[in-house]
C-alpha atoms as a PDB file:
ATOM      1  CA  UNK A   1       0.000   0.000   0.000  1.00  0.00           C
ATOM      2  CA  UNK A   2       1.236   3.484  -0.815  1.00  0.00           C
ATOM      3  CA  UNK A   3       1.910   5.720   2.156  1.00  0.00           C
ATOM      4  CA  UNK A   4      -0.153   8.846   1.510  1.00  0.00           C
ATOM      5  CA  UNK A   5       1.196  10.593   4.591  1.00  0.00           C
ATOM      6  CA  UNK A   6       2.417  14.084   3.782  1.00  0.00           C
ATOM      7  CA  UNK A   7       4.658  14.471   6.805  1.00  0.00           C
ATOM      8  CA  UNK A   8       3.842  13.499  10.352  1.00  0.00           C
ATOM      9  CA  UNK A   9       0.460  15.209  10.629  1.00  0.00           C
ATOM     10  CA  UNK A  10      -1.195  15.362  14.058  1.00  0.00           C
ATOM     11  CA  UNK A  11      -4.856  14.309  13.849  1.00  0.00           C
ATOM     12  CA  UNK A  12      -7.653  14.349  16.438  1.00  0.00           C
ATOM     13  CA  UNK A  13     -10.430  11.770  16.089  1.00  0.00           C
ATOM     14  CA  UNK A  14     -13.769  12.700  17.699  1.00  0.00           C
ATOM     15  CA  UNK A  15     -16.269   9.825  17.683  1.00  0.00           C
ATOM     16  CA  UNK A  16     -18.494   8.419  20.421  1.00  0.00           C
ATOM     17  CA  UNK A  17     -18.223   4.849  19.079  1.00  0.00           C
ATOM     18  CA  UNK A  18     -15.071   3.225  20.508  1.00  0.00           C
ATOM     19  CA  UNK A  19     -14.928   0.665  17.672  1.00  0.00           C
ATOM     20  CA  UNK A  20     -15.005   3.380  14.986  1.00  0.00           C
ATOM     21  CA  UNK A  21     -12.502   5.515  16.897  1.00  0.00           C
ATOM     22  CA  UNK A  22     -10.173   2.508  17.232  1.00  0.00           C
ATOM     23  CA  UNK A  23     -10.501   1.590  13.523  1.00  0.00           C
ATOM     24  CA  UNK A  24      -9.596   5.129  12.450  1.00  0.00           C
ATOM     25  CA  UNK A  25      -6.842   5.453  15.060  1.00  0.00           C
ATOM     26  CA  UNK A  26      -5.132   2.189  14.114  1.00  0.00           C
ATOM     27  CA  UNK A  27      -5.451   2.978  10.390  1.00  0.00           C
ATOM     28  CA  UNK A  28      -3.847   6.402  10.845  1.00  0.00           C
ATOM     29  CA  UNK A  29      -1.105   5.180  13.177  1.00  0.00           C
ATOM     30  CA  UNK A  30      -0.249   2.432  10.665  1.00  0.00           C
ATOM     31  CA  UNK A  31       0.183   5.243   8.096  1.00  0.00           C
ATOM     32  CA  UNK A  32       2.512   7.009  10.588  1.00  0.00           C
ATOM     33  CA  UNK A  33       0.186   9.815  11.640  1.00  0.00           C
ATOM     34  CA  UNK A  34       0.173  11.031  15.253  1.00  0.00           C
ATOM     35  CA  UNK A  35      -3.303  10.477  16.673  1.00  0.00           C
ATOM     36  CA  UNK A  36      -5.303  12.000  19.523  1.00  0.00           C
ATOM     37  CA  UNK A  37      -8.776  10.774  20.491  1.00  0.00           C
ATOM     38  CA  UNK A  38     -11.941  12.136  22.104  1.00  0.00           C
ATOM     39  CA  UNK A  39     -15.399  10.613  22.538  1.00  0.00           C
ATOM     40  CA  UNK A  40     -17.399  13.820  22.065  1.00  0.00           C
ATOM     41  CA  UNK A  41     -17.094  17.413  20.918  1.00  0.00           C
ATOM     42  CA  UNK A  42     -16.525  18.880  24.381  1.00  0.00           C
ATOM     43  CA  UNK A  43     -13.604  16.553  25.051  1.00  0.00           C
ATOM     44  CA  UNK A  44     -12.335  17.160  21.523  1.00  0.00           C
ATOM     45  CA  UNK A  45     -12.202  20.909  22.104  1.00  0.00           C
ATOM     46  CA  UNK A  46     -10.287  20.269  25.339  1.00  0.00           C
ATOM     47  CA  UNK A  47      -7.752  18.163  23.412  1.00  0.00           C
ATOM     48  CA  UNK A  48      -7.328  20.974  20.863  1.00  0.00           C
ATOM     49  CA  UNK A  49      -6.648  23.480  23.658  1.00  0.00           C
ATOM     50  CA  UNK A  50      -4.097  21.139  25.273  1.00  0.00           C
ATOM     51  CA  UNK A  51      -2.422  20.140  21.971  1.00  0.00           C
ATOM     52  CA  UNK A  52      -1.942  23.124  19.638  1.00  0.00           C
ATOM     53  CA  UNK A  53       0.102  20.844  17.360  1.00  0.00           C
ATOM     54  CA  UNK A  54      -3.122  19.183  16.077  1.00  0.00           C
ATOM     55  CA  UNK A  55      -3.491  20.057  12.392  1.00  0.00           C
ATOM     56  CA  UNK A  56      -6.622  18.127  11.426  1.00  0.00           C
ATOM     57  CA  UNK A  57      -9.802  16.828  13.058  1.00  0.00           C
ATOM     58  CA  UNK A  58     -11.932  13.870  12.009  1.00  0.00           C
ATOM     59  CA  UNK A  59     -15.324  14.276  13.655  1.00  0.00           C
ATOM     60  CA  UNK A  60     -18.463  12.196  13.662  1.00  0.00           C
ATOM     61  CA  UNK A  61     -21.689  14.159  13.293  1.00  0.00           C
ATOM     62  CA  UNK A  62     -24.154  12.237  15.478  1.00  0.00           C
ATOM     63  CA  UNK A  63     -22.820  12.130  19.060  1.00  0.00           C
ATOM     64  CA  UNK A  64     -24.128  12.693  22.586  1.00  0.00           C
ATOM     65  CA  UNK A  65     -23.124  15.740  24.666  1.00  0.00           C
ATOM     66  CA  UNK A  66     -21.775  17.933  21.849  1.00  0.00           C
ATOM     67  CA  UNK A  67     -22.588  16.682  18.370  1.00  0.00           C
ATOM     68  CA  UNK A  68     -20.427  17.172  15.312  1.00  0.00           C
ATOM     69  CA  UNK A  69     -22.170  20.145  13.674  1.00  0.00           C
ATOM     70  CA  UNK A  70     -21.790  22.242  16.826  1.00  0.00           C
ATOM     71  CA  UNK A  71     -18.210  20.976  17.215  1.00  0.00           C
ATOM     72  CA  UNK A  72     -17.345  22.007  13.647  1.00  0.00           C
ATOM     73  CA  UNK A  73     -18.759  25.499  14.263  1.00  0.00           C
ATOM     74  CA  UNK A  74     -16.690  25.827  17.469  1.00  0.00           C
ATOM     75  CA  UNK A  75     -13.491  24.583  15.796  1.00  0.00           C
ATOM     76  CA  UNK A  76     -13.974  27.045  12.912  1.00  0.00           C
ATOM     77  CA  UNK A  77     -14.356  29.885  15.422  1.00  0.00           C
ATOM     78  CA  UNK A  78     -11.638  28.911  17.934  1.00  0.00           C
ATOM     79  CA  UNK A  79      -9.095  27.119  15.700  1.00  0.00           C
ATOM     80  CA  UNK A  80      -9.616  28.481  12.164  1.00  0.00           C
ATOM     81  CA  UNK A  81      -6.431  26.915  10.763  1.00  0.00           C
ATOM     82  CA  UNK A  82      -7.388  23.312  11.544  1.00  0.00           C
ATOM     83  CA  UNK A  83      -8.601  21.124   8.680  1.00  0.00           C
ATOM     84  CA  UNK A  84     -11.817  19.173   9.307  1.00  0.00           C
ATOM     85  CA  UNK A  85     -13.002  15.845   7.913  1.00  0.00           C
ATOM     86  CA  UNK A  86     -16.642  15.148   8.870  1.00  0.00           C
ATOM     87  CA  UNK A  87     -17.865  11.543   8.938  1.00  0.00           C
ATOM     88  CA  UNK A  88     -21.389  10.189   9.379  1.00  0.00           C
ATOM     89  CA  UNK A  89     -23.394   7.026   9.089  1.00  0.00           C
ATOM     90  CA  UNK A  90     -26.618   8.983   9.418  1.00  0.00           C
ATOM     91  CA  UNK A  91     -29.231   9.187  12.108  1.00  0.00           C
ATOM     92  CA  UNK A  92     -32.766  10.426  11.600  1.00  0.00           C
ATOM     93  CA  UNK A  93     -31.674  11.710   8.184  1.00  0.00           C
ATOM     94  CA  UNK A  94     -29.546  10.138   5.481  1.00  0.00           C
ATOM     95  CA  UNK A  95     -25.798  10.617   6.129  1.00  0.00           C
ATOM     96  CA  UNK A  96     -25.482  12.761   2.993  1.00  0.00           C
ATOM     97  CA  UNK A  97     -27.785  15.398   4.529  1.00  0.00           C
ATOM     98  CA  UNK A  98     -25.633  15.677   7.654  1.00  0.00           C
ATOM     99  CA  UNK A  99     -22.461  15.762   5.578  1.00  0.00           C
ATOM    100  CA  UNK A 100     -23.798  18.512   3.300  1.00  0.00           C
ATOM    101  CA  UNK A 101     -24.581  20.601   6.383  1.00  0.00           C
ATOM    102  CA  UNK A 102     -21.149  19.849   7.855  1.00  0.00           C
ATOM    103  CA  UNK A 103     -19.488  20.976   4.622  1.00  0.00           C
ATOM    104  CA  UNK A 104     -21.569  24.159   4.537  1.00  0.00           C
ATOM    105  CA  UNK A 105     -20.487  24.972   8.098  1.00  0.00           C
ATOM    106  CA  UNK A 106     -16.775  24.549   7.505  1.00  0.00           C
ATOM    107  CA  UNK A 107     -15.770  20.910   7.075  1.00  0.00           C
ATOM    108  CA  UNK A 108     -13.133  20.691   4.340  1.00  0.00           C
ATOM    109  CA  UNK A 109     -14.000  17.093   3.398  1.00  0.00           C
ATOM    110  CA  UNK A 110     -16.758  14.608   4.231  1.00  0.00           C
ATOM    111  CA  UNK A 111     -16.853  10.824   4.274  1.00  0.00           C
ATOM    112  CA  UNK A 112     -19.886   8.544   4.571  1.00  0.00           C
ATOM    113  CA  UNK A 113     -19.635   5.571   6.957  1.00  0.00           C
ATOM    114  CA  UNK A 114     -18.779   2.825   6.421  1.00  0.00           C
ATOM    115  CA  UNK A 115     -15.583   3.629   4.548  1.00  0.00           C
ATOM    116  CA  UNK A 116     -12.406   1.757   3.662  1.00  0.00           C
ATOM    117  CA  UNK A 117      -8.943   2.598   5.004  1.00  0.00           C
ATOM    118  CA  UNK A 118      -7.903   3.714   1.507  1.00  0.00           C
ATOM    119  CA  UNK A 119     -10.826   6.189   1.377  1.00  0.00           C
ATOM    120  CA  UNK A 120      -9.868   7.562   4.788  1.00  0.00           C
ATOM    121  CA  UNK A 121      -6.205   7.978   3.863  1.00  0.00           C
ATOM    122  CA  UNK A 122      -7.088   9.622   0.541  1.00  0.00           C
ATOM    123  CA  UNK A 123      -9.389  12.091   2.316  1.00  0.00           C
ATOM    124  CA  UNK A 124      -6.670  12.929   4.873  1.00  0.00           C
ATOM    125  CA  UNK A 125      -4.039  13.312   2.150  1.00  0.00           C
ATOM    126  CA  UNK A 126      -6.182  15.867   0.318  1.00  0.00           C
ATOM    127  CA  UNK A 127      -6.679  18.018   3.422  1.00  0.00           C
END
């Protein structure tokens, strides 16, 4: 597999599902990215404040506490230089509807769950 890593990018994963978070984390670490994790938007914002070296965020949209749309808006306001990849498997609406909204509010890229490792790495590489 081709390593699409463009340097040792620091990436924060925000997802309430531990299995999804682990899948993304392992995939990114295997591609030699530095990974931080949070299970909701509030904790994700705390990680960003504690780790200014984070360059990109992968955030789920449907989460308890602070969901992804609100998290994206906060990141755009507080950390305007950070790249955002929004992911969603849907909820009450089709995932595409959530992802369109996420893109409109500042996500640079979107990815519909489930996705393959190659799709994830391609999306990260184009950030």
